[in-house]
Amino acid sequence: MTTVSEREDAADRFRRLLSSHIGFLKRSCWLFDQGHEDEALRIATSLRVLFHDTGTRRRCSHTSG
């Protein structure tokens, strides 16, 4: 059984990682807008991680509530 403190730590870690991931996405979008079209693959991959459900994994956007 997890304690309240462990759940809060996990939630804080999730928020930090999500914030980092969003920062990566923003940079990739900026680079794409500057003409680096190969960033499209990185953007698509990031969006898939955030929004795609599979049979065993849930999307990050669902986890955040």
Protein backbone atom coordinates (compact mmCIF):
# COMPACT_ATOMS: atom_id res chain seq x y z
CA MET A 1 0.00 0.00 0.00
CA THR A 2 1.31 3.45 -0.87
CA THR A 3 1.29 6.24 1.63
CA VAL A 4 -0.09 9.72 1.04
CA SER A 5 3.46 11.04 0.96
CA GLU A 6 4.48 8.52 -1.72
CA ARG A 7 1.45 9.44 -3.85
CA GLU A 8 2.25 13.14 -3.48
CA ASP A 9 5.88 12.46 -4.45
CA ALA A 10 4.71 10.53 -7.50
CA ALA A 11 2.31 13.34 -8.46
CA ASP A 12 5.08 15.93 -8.09
CA ARG A 13 7.43 13.83 -10.20
CA PHE A 14 4.73 13.42 -12.85
CA ARG A 15 4.15 17.19 -12.97
CA ARG A 16 7.89 17.88 -13.30
CA LEU A 17 8.29 15.34 -16.10
CA LEU A 18 5.20 16.63 -17.89
CA SER A 19 6.50 20.18 -17.64
CA SER A 20 9.83 19.07 -19.13
CA HIS A 21 8.05 17.21 -21.91
CA ILE A 22 5.99 20.29 -22.77
CA GLY A 23 9.17 22.35 -22.84
CA PHE A 24 10.69 19.89 -25.31
CA LEU A 25 7.57 20.15 -27.46
CA LYS A 26 7.69 23.96 -27.43
CA ARG A 27 11.33 23.94 -28.52
CA SER A 28 10.62 21.44 -31.27
CA CYS A 29 7.72 23.56 -32.52
CA TRP A 30 9.91 26.65 -32.51
CA LEU A 31 12.63 24.83 -34.44
CA PHE A 32 10.04 23.51 -36.91
CA ASP A 33 8.79 27.06 -37.45
CA GLN A 34 12.40 28.12 -38.11
CA GLY A 35 12.58 25.64 -40.99
CA HIS A 36 13.83 22.47 -39.32
CA GLU A 37 11.15 20.24 -40.81
CA ASP A 38 12.74 17.09 -39.34
CA GLU A 39 11.39 18.24 -35.96
CA ALA A 40 7.95 17.10 -37.19
CA LEU A 41 8.84 13.53 -36.26
CA ARG A 42 9.82 14.53 -32.72
CA ILE A 43 6.62 16.57 -32.35
CA ALA A 44 4.48 13.67 -33.56
CA THR A 45 6.21 11.25 -31.21
CA SER A 46 5.72 13.54 -28.23
CA LEU A 47 2.06 14.05 -29.02
CA ARG A 48 1.55 10.30 -29.36
CA VAL A 49 3.09 9.72 -25.94
CA LEU A 50 0.82 12.36 -24.42
CA PHE A 51 -2.46 11.39 -26.08
CA HIS A 52 -2.41 7.75 -27.32
CA ASP A 53 -3.92 4.84 -25.37
CA THR A 54 -2.96 1.23 -26.01
CA GLY A 55 -4.33 -1.94 -24.49
CA THR A 56 -1.91 -1.86 -21.56
CA ARG A 57 -0.81 1.78 -21.30
CA ARG A 58 -2.83 4.90 -20.70
CA ARG A 59 -2.00 8.24 -22.20
CA CYS A 60 -0.32 10.82 -20.02
CA SER A 61 -3.18 13.29 -20.51
CA HIS A 62 -5.54 10.75 -18.91
CA THR A 63 -3.19 10.27 -15.95
CA SER A 64 -3.18 13.98 -15.16
CA GLY A 65 -6.91 13.93 -14.54
